[in-house]
Amino acid sequence: MLVLHLPVNSYVTTVLRNYVRELSYYYSEMSPARQQWIYTFFMHPFLSAERVAGCVFPQQSSEEWLMKNFGAFRVSARVEELSTLNMLFSGLEVLHLLSPAQKAELLLRPEVAALDNGNISLVFHSLATGGPGRDPQWTTPGREPQWTTPGREPQWTNPGEHNWTGPGYPYPDPPPSPHSSVRQVRAEEPTRV
């Protein structure tokens, strides 16, 4: 492909992102084998090239990077590949965009040991409820806490105790948002050039 032989600059990234955007329009019309082939033999090799450096720009969020460089093909990538291509990649930041297999892989990554229980529970909840979707919300009408996910039916109920639609949190407060801790870490990291 011509794109693989262009010198590295923002033009190369723009060309790739145009390809990704156009291919993503036809993603649902492609067979799963074709979808995987495009990721395996075009997108991943291009982004892995030493002179391209994953098309990572320091000011980009993980969500922006993932959507612009992978589009609908993001579900074909392994979390390990995403982390290798973009050292600033945060699976928690894009949890709503990951497939169930990617969420499970996220739980198996070595860096998950550094996560607090709230963030791990957030991943399990997303995996169990099959997100994406709107963020789960903790509600306490009256005295009885309930874990609810807007737009989803309850999966189980324990009469007399807590009611929830996913892995419940018998805690008085909801788990912290991964976005606040991710942004805080990014602000403390030195800018790479």
N, C-alpha and C. Protein backbone atom coordinates (compact mmCIF):
# COMPACT_ATOMS: atom_id res chain seq x y z
N MET A 1 0.83 -1.18 0.00
CA MET A 1 0.00 0.00 0.00
C MET A 1 0.87 1.25 0.00
N LEU A 2 0.40 2.26 -0.63
CA LEU A 2 1.10 3.53 -0.71
C LEU A 2 1.31 4.13 0.67
N VAL A 3 0.32 4.02 1.55
CA VAL A 3 0.38 4.65 2.87
C VAL A 3 1.59 4.18 3.66
N LEU A 4 1.96 2.93 3.53
CA LEU A 4 3.07 2.37 4.30
C LEU A 4 4.41 2.97 3.92
N HIS A 5 4.51 3.61 2.78
CA HIS A 5 5.78 4.13 2.30
C HIS A 5 5.90 5.64 2.41
N LEU A 6 4.91 6.30 2.97
CA LEU A 6 4.95 7.75 3.11
C LEU A 6 5.81 8.14 4.31
N PRO A 7 6.47 9.30 4.26
CA PRO A 7 7.24 9.75 5.42
C PRO A 7 6.29 10.08 6.57
N VAL A 8 6.81 9.96 7.81
CA VAL A 8 5.97 10.19 8.98
C VAL A 8 5.73 11.67 9.17
N ASN A 9 4.49 12.02 9.25
CA ASN A 9 4.05 13.36 9.62
C ASN A 9 2.56 13.29 9.85
N SER A 10 1.95 14.40 10.14
CA SER A 10 0.52 14.37 10.41
C SER A 10 -0.28 13.97 9.17
N TYR A 11 0.30 14.16 7.99
CA TYR A 11 -0.38 13.76 6.76
C TYR A 11 -0.60 12.25 6.74
N VAL A 12 0.40 11.49 7.14
CA VAL A 12 0.29 10.03 7.15
C VAL A 12 -0.83 9.59 8.08
N THR A 13 -0.86 10.19 9.26
CA THR A 13 -1.91 9.87 10.22
C THR A 13 -3.28 10.24 9.65
N THR A 14 -3.37 11.38 9.00
CA THR A 14 -4.63 11.81 8.40
C THR A 14 -5.09 10.82 7.33
N VAL A 15 -4.16 10.34 6.52
CA VAL A 15 -4.51 9.37 5.47
C VAL A 15 -5.03 8.09 6.11
N LEU A 16 -4.33 7.58 7.13
CA LEU A 16 -4.78 6.36 7.80
C LEU A 16 -6.18 6.58 8.37
N ARG A 17 -6.37 7.69 9.05
CA ARG A 17 -7.66 7.94 9.69
C ARG A 17 -8.78 8.08 8.67
N ASN A 18 -8.48 8.60 7.49
CA ASN A 18 -9.49 8.65 6.43
C ASN A 18 -9.85 7.24 5.97
N TYR A 19 -8.84 6.38 5.80
CA TYR A 19 -9.10 4.98 5.45
C TYR A 19 -9.97 4.33 6.52
N VAL A 20 -9.60 4.51 7.78
CA VAL A 20 -10.33 3.90 8.89
C VAL A 20 -11.78 4.37 8.89
N ARG A 21 -11.99 5.67 8.72
CA ARG A 21 -13.34 6.21 8.72
C ARG A 21 -14.17 5.60 7.58
N GLU A 22 -13.58 5.55 6.39
CA GLU A 22 -14.32 5.01 5.24
C GLU A 22 -14.59 3.51 5.41
N LEU A 23 -13.59 2.76 5.84
CA LEU A 23 -13.78 1.32 6.05
C LEU A 23 -14.81 1.05 7.15
N SER A 24 -14.83 1.90 8.16
CA SER A 24 -15.79 1.72 9.26
C SER A 24 -17.23 1.87 8.80
N TYR A 25 -17.47 2.69 7.77
CA TYR A 25 -18.82 2.82 7.23
C TYR A 25 -19.35 1.48 6.71
N TYR A 26 -18.46 0.65 6.20
CA TYR A 26 -18.85 -0.62 5.60
C TYR A 26 -18.59 -1.82 6.52
N TYR A 27 -18.19 -1.56 7.74
CA TYR A 27 -17.83 -2.62 8.68
C TYR A 27 -18.94 -3.66 8.84
N SER A 28 -20.17 -3.22 9.05
CA SER A 28 -21.27 -4.15 9.30
C SER A 28 -21.62 -4.99 8.07
N GLU A 29 -21.21 -4.55 6.89
CA GLU A 29 -21.48 -5.30 5.67
C GLU A 29 -20.39 -6.33 5.37
N MET A 30 -19.30 -6.28 6.13
CA MET A 30 -18.18 -7.21 5.91
C MET A 30 -18.37 -8.48 6.74
N SER A 31 -17.82 -9.56 6.23
CA SER A 31 -17.81 -10.80 7.02
C SER A 31 -16.82 -10.64 8.17
N PRO A 32 -17.00 -11.38 9.26
CA PRO A 32 -16.04 -11.31 10.36
C PRO A 32 -14.60 -11.60 9.91
N ALA A 33 -14.44 -12.52 8.96
CA ALA A 33 -13.10 -12.83 8.45
C ALA A 33 -12.49 -11.62 7.75
N ARG A 34 -13.28 -10.91 6.96
CA ARG A 34 -12.79 -9.72 6.27
C ARG A 34 -12.44 -8.63 7.27
N GLN A 35 -13.30 -8.44 8.28
CA GLN A 35 -13.03 -7.44 9.32
C GLN A 35 -11.69 -7.71 9.99
N GLN A 36 -11.47 -8.97 10.37
CA GLN A 36 -10.22 -9.34 11.04
C GLN A 36 -9.03 -9.19 10.10
N TRP A 37 -9.21 -9.54 8.84
CA TRP A 37 -8.14 -9.43 7.87
C TRP A 37 -7.69 -7.97 7.73
N ILE A 38 -8.64 -7.05 7.63
CA ILE A 38 -8.29 -5.63 7.49
C ILE A 38 -7.52 -5.15 8.70
N TYR A 39 -7.96 -5.55 9.89
CA TYR A 39 -7.23 -5.15 11.10
C TYR A 39 -5.83 -5.78 11.11
N THR A 40 -5.76 -7.09 10.89
CA THR A 40 -4.50 -7.84 11.02
C THR A 40 -3.46 -7.45 9.98
N PHE A 41 -3.88 -7.24 8.75
CA PHE A 41 -2.92 -7.02 7.68
C PHE A 41 -2.81 -5.58 7.18
N PHE A 42 -3.66 -4.69 7.68
CA PHE A 42 -3.54 -3.29 7.30
C PHE A 42 -3.35 -2.39 8.52
N MET A 43 -4.32 -2.36 9.39
CA MET A 43 -4.27 -1.40 10.50
C MET A 43 -3.14 -1.66 11.49
N HIS A 44 -3.08 -2.88 11.99
CA HIS A 44 -2.05 -3.17 13.00
C HIS A 44 -0.63 -3.01 12.45
N PRO A 45 -0.31 -3.55 11.26
CA PRO A 45 1.05 -3.34 10.74
C PRO A 45 1.36 -1.86 10.52
N PHE A 46 0.40 -1.10 10.04
CA PHE A 46 0.64 0.32 9.81
C PHE A 46 0.94 1.02 11.12
N LEU A 47 0.09 0.82 12.12
CA LEU A 47 0.27 1.50 13.40
C LEU A 47 1.49 0.99 14.16
N SER A 48 1.92 -0.23 13.87
CA SER A 48 3.09 -0.81 14.55
C SER A 48 4.42 -0.36 13.94
N ALA A 49 4.37 0.21 12.76
CA ALA A 49 5.60 0.63 12.09
C ALA A 49 6.36 1.62 12.98
N GLU A 50 7.65 1.42 13.08
CA GLU A 50 8.48 2.24 13.96
C GLU A 50 8.38 3.72 13.62
N ARG A 51 8.30 4.03 12.36
CA ARG A 51 8.29 5.44 11.97
C ARG A 51 6.93 6.12 12.17
N VAL A 52 5.90 5.36 12.50
CA VAL A 52 4.57 5.93 12.70
C VAL A 52 4.26 6.12 14.18
N ALA A 53 4.80 5.28 15.02
CA ALA A 53 4.64 5.36 16.48
C ALA A 53 3.17 5.37 16.90
N GLY A 54 2.35 4.54 16.28
CA GLY A 54 0.97 4.37 16.70
C GLY A 54 0.05 5.54 16.44
N CYS A 55 0.51 6.54 15.71
CA CYS A 55 -0.28 7.77 15.47
C CYS A 55 -0.78 8.35 16.78
N VAL A 56 0.09 8.36 17.77
CA VAL A 56 -0.26 8.87 19.10
C VAL A 56 0.13 10.33 19.20
N PHE A 57 -0.81 11.14 19.65
CA PHE A 57 -0.55 12.54 19.93
C PHE A 57 -0.80 12.76 21.42
N PRO A 58 0.14 13.39 22.12
CA PRO A 58 0.04 13.50 23.59
C PRO A 58 -1.26 14.12 24.10
N GLN A 59 -1.86 15.01 23.35
CA GLN A 59 -3.06 15.69 23.83
C GLN A 59 -4.33 14.85 23.64
N GLN A 60 -4.24 13.70 22.98
CA GLN A 60 -5.42 12.88 22.71
C GLN A 60 -5.80 12.02 23.90
N SER A 61 -7.09 11.87 24.10
CA SER A 61 -7.58 10.92 25.10
C SER A 61 -7.50 9.52 24.48
N SER A 62 -7.60 8.50 25.32
CA SER A 62 -7.60 7.13 24.81
C SER A 62 -8.79 6.90 23.88
N GLU A 63 -9.93 7.48 24.23
CA GLU A 63 -11.12 7.31 23.40
C GLU A 63 -10.93 7.92 22.02
N GLU A 64 -10.41 9.13 21.98
CA GLU A 64 -10.19 9.79 20.69
C GLU A 64 -9.18 9.01 19.85
N TRP A 65 -8.09 8.56 20.47
CA TRP A 65 -7.07 7.79 19.76
C TRP A 65 -7.66 6.49 19.22
N LEU A 66 -8.41 5.78 20.05
CA LEU A 66 -8.99 4.50 19.65
C LEU A 66 -9.97 4.67 18.49
N MET A 67 -10.85 5.63 18.60
CA MET A 67 -11.87 5.81 17.56
C MET A 67 -11.27 6.32 16.25
N LYS A 68 -10.32 7.24 16.32
CA LYS A 68 -9.74 7.79 15.09
C LYS A 68 -8.83 6.81 14.37
N ASN A 69 -8.12 5.96 15.12
CA ASN A 69 -7.17 5.04 14.50
C ASN A 69 -7.71 3.65 14.24
N PHE A 70 -8.82 3.28 14.88
CA PHE A 70 -9.37 1.94 14.71
C PHE A 70 -10.83 1.94 14.27
N GLY A 71 -11.58 2.96 14.64
CA GLY A 71 -12.99 3.02 14.27
C GLY A 71 -13.72 1.76 14.71
N ALA A 72 -14.55 1.24 13.83
CA ALA A 72 -15.33 0.04 14.13
C ALA A 72 -14.44 -1.19 14.31
N PHE A 73 -13.22 -1.13 13.82
CA PHE A 73 -12.30 -2.27 13.90
C PHE A 73 -11.64 -2.40 15.27
N ARG A 74 -11.98 -1.51 16.19
CA ARG A 74 -11.38 -1.53 17.53
C ARG A 74 -11.62 -2.86 18.24
N VAL A 75 -12.73 -3.53 17.93
CA VAL A 75 -13.03 -4.80 18.60
C VAL A 75 -12.12 -5.93 18.13
N SER A 76 -11.40 -5.72 17.03
CA SER A 76 -10.48 -6.73 16.52
C SER A 76 -9.14 -6.72 17.24
N ALA A 77 -8.84 -5.63 17.90
CA ALA A 77 -7.54 -5.49 18.57
C ALA A 77 -7.56 -6.12 19.95
N ARG A 78 -6.42 -6.62 20.37
CA ARG A 78 -6.26 -7.09 21.74
C ARG A 78 -5.84 -5.90 22.59
N VAL A 79 -6.22 -5.92 23.86
CA VAL A 79 -5.86 -4.83 24.77
C VAL A 79 -4.35 -4.70 24.85
N GLU A 80 -3.65 -5.81 24.81
CA GLU A 80 -2.18 -5.79 24.84
C GLU A 80 -1.63 -5.01 23.64
N GLU A 81 -2.21 -5.21 22.47
CA GLU A 81 -1.78 -4.49 21.28
C GLU A 81 -2.05 -3.00 21.42
N LEU A 82 -3.21 -2.66 21.94
CA LEU A 82 -3.56 -1.24 22.12
C LEU A 82 -2.59 -0.57 23.08
N SER A 83 -2.25 -1.26 24.17
CA SER A 83 -1.30 -0.71 25.15
C SER A 83 0.10 -0.60 24.58
N THR A 84 0.48 -1.52 23.71
CA THR A 84 1.80 -1.46 23.08
C THR A 84 1.88 -0.31 22.09
N LEU A 85 0.82 -0.11 21.33
CA LEU A 85 0.80 0.96 20.33
C LEU A 85 0.72 2.35 20.97
N ASN A 86 0.05 2.44 22.11
CA ASN A 86 -0.13 3.73 22.79
C ASN A 86 0.14 3.53 24.27
N MET A 87 1.31 3.96 24.72
CA MET A 87 1.69 3.76 26.12
C MET A 87 0.76 4.49 27.08
N LEU A 88 0.02 5.49 26.61
CA LEU A 88 -0.92 6.23 27.45
C LEU A 88 -2.33 5.65 27.40
N PHE A 89 -2.51 4.54 26.68
CA PHE A 89 -3.83 3.94 26.53
C PHE A 89 -4.38 3.50 27.87
N SER A 90 -5.63 3.85 28.12
CA SER A 90 -6.32 3.46 29.35
C SER A 90 -7.57 2.67 28.99
N GLY A 91 -7.56 1.39 29.30
CA GLY A 91 -8.73 0.56 29.06
C GLY A 91 -9.93 1.01 29.85
N LEU A 92 -9.70 1.56 31.05
CA LEU A 92 -10.82 2.05 31.86
C LEU A 92 -11.50 3.25 31.21
N GLU A 93 -10.71 4.08 30.56
CA GLU A 93 -11.27 5.27 29.92
C GLU A 93 -12.19 4.90 28.75
N VAL A 94 -11.92 3.78 28.12
CA VAL A 94 -12.71 3.37 26.94
C VAL A 94 -13.50 2.09 27.21
N LEU A 95 -13.76 1.81 28.46
CA LEU A 95 -14.45 0.58 28.84
C LEU A 95 -15.75 0.41 28.06
N HIS A 96 -16.47 1.49 27.85
CA HIS A 96 -17.74 1.43 27.13
C HIS A 96 -17.58 1.09 25.65
N LEU A 97 -16.36 1.14 25.13
CA LEU A 97 -16.10 0.84 23.72
C LEU A 97 -15.50 -0.55 23.52
N LEU A 98 -15.13 -1.23 24.59
CA LEU A 98 -14.46 -2.52 24.48
C LEU A 98 -15.46 -3.66 24.36
N SER A 99 -15.03 -4.71 23.66
CA SER A 99 -15.84 -5.92 23.54
C SER A 99 -15.73 -6.71 24.84
N PRO A 100 -16.63 -7.67 25.07
CA PRO A 100 -16.50 -8.51 26.27
C PRO A 100 -15.14 -9.21 26.36
N ALA A 101 -14.62 -9.69 25.24
CA ALA A 101 -13.30 -10.35 25.25
C ALA A 101 -12.21 -9.37 25.67
N GLN A 102 -12.29 -8.13 25.20
CA GLN A 102 -11.30 -7.13 25.56
C GLN A 102 -11.41 -6.76 27.04
N LYS A 103 -12.62 -6.70 27.56
CA LYS A 103 -12.81 -6.41 28.99
C LYS A 103 -12.22 -7.53 29.84
N ALA A 104 -12.43 -8.78 29.43
CA ALA A 104 -11.85 -9.91 30.15
C ALA A 104 -10.33 -9.84 30.09
N GLU A 105 -9.78 -9.52 28.93
CA GLU A 105 -8.33 -9.39 28.80
C GLU A 105 -7.81 -8.26 29.69
N LEU A 106 -8.56 -7.18 29.77
CA LEU A 106 -8.17 -6.06 30.62
C LEU A 106 -8.00 -6.51 32.07
N LEU A 107 -8.88 -7.39 32.53
CA LEU A 107 -8.78 -7.89 33.91
C LEU A 107 -7.56 -8.77 34.11
N LEU A 108 -7.01 -9.33 33.05
CA LEU A 108 -5.86 -10.22 33.15
C LEU A 108 -4.53 -9.50 32.97
N ARG A 109 -4.55 -8.23 32.65
CA ARG A 109 -3.32 -7.47 32.44
C ARG A 109 -2.58 -7.27 33.76
N PRO A 110 -1.25 -7.27 33.74
CA PRO A 110 -0.47 -7.09 34.98
C PRO A 110 -0.77 -5.78 35.70
N GLU A 111 -1.04 -4.72 34.95
CA GLU A 111 -1.27 -3.43 35.60
C GLU A 111 -2.60 -3.37 36.36
N VAL A 112 -3.46 -4.37 36.19
CA VAL A 112 -4.73 -4.38 36.91
C VAL A 112 -4.50 -4.52 38.42
N ALA A 113 -3.35 -5.05 38.80
CA ALA A 113 -3.03 -5.17 40.23
C ALA A 113 -2.98 -3.81 40.90
N ALA A 114 -2.69 -2.77 40.14
CA ALA A 114 -2.61 -1.42 40.71
C ALA A 114 -3.99 -0.75 40.83
N LEU A 115 -5.02 -1.36 40.28
CA LEU A 115 -6.36 -0.77 40.35
C LEU A 115 -6.99 -1.00 41.72
N ASP A 116 -7.82 -0.06 42.13
CA ASP A 116 -8.54 -0.25 43.38
C ASP A 116 -9.78 -1.11 43.13
N ASN A 117 -10.40 -1.57 44.20
CA ASN A 117 -11.56 -2.46 44.07
C ASN A 117 -12.71 -1.83 43.30
N GLY A 118 -12.89 -0.52 43.44
CA GLY A 118 -13.97 0.16 42.73
C GLY A 118 -13.81 0.07 41.22
N ASN A 119 -12.58 0.26 40.73
CA ASN A 119 -12.34 0.19 39.29
C ASN A 119 -12.45 -1.24 38.78
N ILE A 120 -11.96 -2.20 39.56
CA ILE A 120 -12.08 -3.60 39.16
C ILE A 120 -13.56 -3.99 39.11
N SER A 121 -14.32 -3.55 40.11
CA SER A 121 -15.76 -3.82 40.13
C SER A 121 -16.46 -3.18 38.94
N LEU A 122 -16.00 -2.01 38.55
CA LEU A 122 -16.57 -1.32 37.39
C LEU A 122 -16.37 -2.16 36.12
N VAL A 123 -15.19 -2.75 35.96
CA VAL A 123 -14.92 -3.60 34.79
C VAL A 123 -15.81 -4.84 34.84
N PHE A 124 -15.92 -5.48 36.03
CA PHE A 124 -16.77 -6.65 36.16
C PHE A 124 -18.23 -6.30 35.87
N HIS A 125 -18.69 -5.17 36.35
CA HIS A 125 -20.07 -4.75 36.10
C HIS A 125 -20.30 -4.56 34.60
N SER A 126 -19.38 -3.90 33.94
CA SER A 126 -19.50 -3.67 32.51
C SER A 126 -19.49 -5.00 31.75
N LEU A 127 -18.67 -5.92 32.19
CA LEU A 127 -18.58 -7.24 31.56
C LEU A 127 -19.88 -8.02 31.77
N ALA A 128 -20.43 -7.96 32.99
CA ALA A 128 -21.64 -8.71 33.31
C ALA A 128 -22.88 -8.15 32.64
N THR A 129 -22.94 -6.84 32.48
CA THR A 129 -24.12 -6.22 31.89
C THR A 129 -24.02 -6.11 30.39
N GLY A 130 -22.86 -6.43 29.85
CA GLY A 130 -22.69 -6.40 28.40
C GLY A 130 -22.59 -5.01 27.82
N GLY A 131 -22.28 -3.98 28.69
CA GLY A 131 -22.11 -2.63 28.17
C GLY A 131 -21.58 -2.70 26.75
N PRO A 132 -21.52 -1.77 25.94
CA PRO A 132 -21.64 -0.37 26.25
C PRO A 132 -23.06 0.04 26.57
N GLY A 133 -23.17 1.20 27.03
CA GLY A 133 -24.44 1.75 27.41
C GLY A 133 -24.18 2.93 28.30
N ARG A 134 -25.22 3.50 28.82
CA ARG A 134 -25.01 4.61 29.72
C ARG A 134 -24.36 4.09 30.98
N ASP A 135 -23.63 4.97 31.66
CA ASP A 135 -22.94 4.57 32.87
C ASP A 135 -23.93 4.14 33.94
N PRO A 136 -23.56 3.09 34.69
CA PRO A 136 -24.41 2.68 35.79
C PRO A 136 -24.49 3.79 36.83
N GLN A 137 -25.59 3.83 37.55
CA GLN A 137 -25.77 4.85 38.57
C GLN A 137 -26.19 4.20 39.87
N TRP A 138 -25.69 4.73 40.95
CA TRP A 138 -26.05 4.26 42.28
C TRP A 138 -27.21 5.11 42.76
N THR A 139 -28.29 4.46 43.16
CA THR A 139 -29.43 5.21 43.67
C THR A 139 -29.83 4.66 45.02
N THR A 140 -30.28 5.52 45.88
CA THR A 140 -30.75 5.09 47.19
C THR A 140 -32.10 5.73 47.46
N PRO A 141 -33.18 5.19 46.88
CA PRO A 141 -34.49 5.72 47.20
C PRO A 141 -34.90 5.21 48.57
N GLY A 142 -35.24 6.11 49.46
CA GLY A 142 -35.58 5.69 50.82
C GLY A 142 -34.33 5.23 51.54
N ARG A 143 -34.34 4.01 52.03
CA ARG A 143 -33.20 3.52 52.80
C ARG A 143 -32.48 2.38 52.10
N GLU A 144 -33.07 1.81 51.10
CA GLU A 144 -32.49 0.62 50.50
C GLU A 144 -31.66 0.95 49.26
N PRO A 145 -30.33 0.71 49.29
CA PRO A 145 -29.51 1.00 48.12
C PRO A 145 -29.86 0.09 46.95
N GLN A 146 -29.75 0.62 45.74
CA GLN A 146 -29.98 -0.16 44.53
C GLN A 146 -28.92 0.19 43.50
N TRP A 147 -28.41 -0.81 42.84
CA TRP A 147 -27.47 -0.60 41.73
C TRP A 147 -28.28 -0.76 40.47
N THR A 148 -28.37 0.29 39.66
CA THR A 148 -29.18 0.22 38.45
C THR A 148 -28.38 0.63 37.24
N THR A 149 -28.75 0.09 36.12
CA THR A 149 -28.18 0.50 34.85
C THR A 149 -29.34 0.97 33.99
N PRO A 150 -29.39 2.28 33.69
CA PRO A 150 -30.53 2.81 32.92
C PRO A 150 -30.73 2.05 31.62
N GLY A 151 -32.00 1.72 31.34
CA GLY A 151 -32.34 1.05 30.09
C GLY A 151 -32.16 -0.45 30.11
N ARG A 152 -31.85 -1.02 31.25
CA ARG A 152 -31.65 -2.48 31.33
C ARG A 152 -32.61 -3.06 32.37
N GLU A 153 -33.02 -4.29 32.14
CA GLU A 153 -33.90 -4.97 33.08
C GLU A 153 -33.06 -5.56 34.22
N PRO A 154 -33.63 -5.65 35.43
CA PRO A 154 -32.89 -6.25 36.54
C PRO A 154 -32.55 -7.70 36.23
N GLN A 155 -31.37 -8.13 36.64
CA GLN A 155 -30.95 -9.51 36.41
C GLN A 155 -31.25 -10.38 37.62
N TRP A 156 -31.16 -9.83 38.82
CA TRP A 156 -31.51 -10.59 40.00
C TRP A 156 -31.83 -9.65 41.14
N THR A 157 -32.51 -10.18 42.12
CA THR A 157 -32.90 -9.39 43.28
C THR A 157 -32.78 -10.26 44.52
N ASN A 158 -32.28 -9.70 45.58
CA ASN A 158 -32.24 -10.38 46.87
C ASN A 158 -33.27 -9.68 47.76
N PRO A 159 -34.46 -10.24 47.94
CA PRO A 159 -35.48 -9.57 48.74
C PRO A 159 -34.97 -9.28 50.15
N GLY A 160 -35.25 -8.09 50.61
CA GLY A 160 -34.85 -7.70 51.95
C GLY A 160 -33.43 -7.18 52.03
N GLU A 161 -32.68 -7.31 50.96
CA GLU A 161 -31.31 -6.80 50.95
C GLU A 161 -31.19 -5.79 49.81
N HIS A 162 -30.01 -5.73 49.22
CA HIS A 162 -29.77 -4.80 48.12
C HIS A 162 -30.32 -5.38 46.82
N ASN A 163 -30.84 -4.51 45.98
CA ASN A 163 -31.31 -4.91 44.65
C ASN A 163 -30.37 -4.31 43.63
N TRP A 164 -29.98 -5.07 42.64
CA TRP A 164 -29.07 -4.54 41.63
C TRP A 164 -29.27 -5.25 40.31
N THR A 165 -28.71 -4.66 39.25
CA THR A 165 -28.83 -5.26 37.92
C THR A 165 -27.50 -5.75 37.40
N GLY A 166 -26.50 -5.70 38.17
CA GLY A 166 -25.19 -6.21 37.80
C GLY A 166 -24.49 -6.58 39.08
N PRO A 167 -23.19 -6.85 39.01
CA PRO A 167 -22.49 -7.16 40.25
C PRO A 167 -22.71 -6.02 41.23
N GLY A 168 -23.29 -6.31 42.35
CA GLY A 168 -23.68 -5.28 43.29
C GLY A 168 -22.54 -4.74 44.11
N TYR A 169 -22.77 -3.62 44.66
CA TYR A 169 -21.80 -2.97 45.52
C TYR A 169 -22.47 -2.77 46.86
N PRO A 170 -22.13 -3.59 47.85
CA PRO A 170 -22.75 -3.39 49.16
C PRO A 170 -22.08 -2.25 49.92
N TYR A 171 -21.60 -1.26 49.20
CA TYR A 171 -20.94 -0.11 49.80
C TYR A 171 -21.90 1.07 49.81
N PRO A 172 -21.72 2.01 50.71
CA PRO A 172 -22.62 3.16 50.75
C PRO A 172 -22.44 4.12 49.59
N ASP A 173 -21.32 4.07 48.89
CA ASP A 173 -21.04 5.00 47.80
C ASP A 173 -20.73 4.23 46.53
N PRO A 174 -21.00 4.82 45.36
CA PRO A 174 -20.65 4.15 44.10
C PRO A 174 -19.14 4.13 43.92
N PRO A 175 -18.63 3.24 43.04
CA PRO A 175 -17.19 3.24 42.79
C PRO A 175 -16.78 4.55 42.13
N PRO A 176 -15.53 4.97 42.34
CA PRO A 176 -15.07 6.22 41.73
C PRO A 176 -15.00 6.09 40.21
N SER A 177 -15.17 7.19 39.55
CA SER A 177 -15.06 7.20 38.10
C SER A 177 -13.61 7.02 37.69
N PRO A 178 -13.33 6.13 36.72
CA PRO A 178 -11.94 5.98 36.29
C PRO A 178 -11.43 7.22 35.57
N HIS A 179 -12.33 8.05 35.06
CA HIS A 179 -11.92 9.23 34.31
C HIS A 179 -11.15 10.22 35.17
N SER A 180 -11.56 10.41 36.43
CA SER A 180 -10.87 11.38 37.27
C SER A 180 -9.46 10.92 37.59
N SER A 181 -9.28 9.63 37.92
CA SER A 181 -7.94 9.15 38.24
C SER A 181 -7.05 9.10 37.00
N VAL A 182 -7.63 8.78 35.83
CA VAL A 182 -6.84 8.73 34.60
C VAL A 182 -6.35 10.12 34.24
N ARG A 183 -7.23 11.11 34.31
CA ARG A 183 -6.84 12.48 33.99
C ARG A 183 -5.76 12.97 34.95
N GLN A 184 -5.87 12.61 36.23
CA GLN A 184 -4.89 13.05 37.22
C GLN A 184 -3.52 12.47 36.89
N VAL A 185 -3.44 11.21 36.53
CA VAL A 185 -2.17 10.58 36.19
C VAL A 185 -1.57 11.23 34.96
N ARG A 186 -2.41 11.50 33.94
CA ARG A 186 -1.91 12.11 32.71
C ARG A 186 -1.32 13.48 32.99
N ALA A 187 -1.94 14.23 33.88
CA ALA A 187 -1.45 15.58 34.18
C ALA A 187 -0.08 15.53 34.85
N GLU A 188 0.20 14.45 35.58
CA GLU A 188 1.47 14.34 36.29
C GLU A 188 2.59 13.79 35.41
N GLU A 189 2.24 13.15 34.29
CA GLU A 189 3.26 12.56 33.42
C GLU A 189 3.95 13.65 32.60
N PRO A 190 5.26 13.52 32.39
CA PRO A 190 5.94 14.50 31.54
C PRO A 190 5.49 14.33 30.10
N THR A 191 5.47 15.40 29.38
CA THR A 191 5.06 15.38 27.98
C THR A 191 6.17 14.76 27.14
N ARG A 192 5.77 13.77 26.30
CA ARG A 192 6.73 13.14 25.40
C ARG A 192 6.73 13.88 24.07
N VAL A 193 7.87 13.95 23.47
CA VAL A 193 7.98 14.62 22.17
C VAL A 193 8.27 13.59 21.11
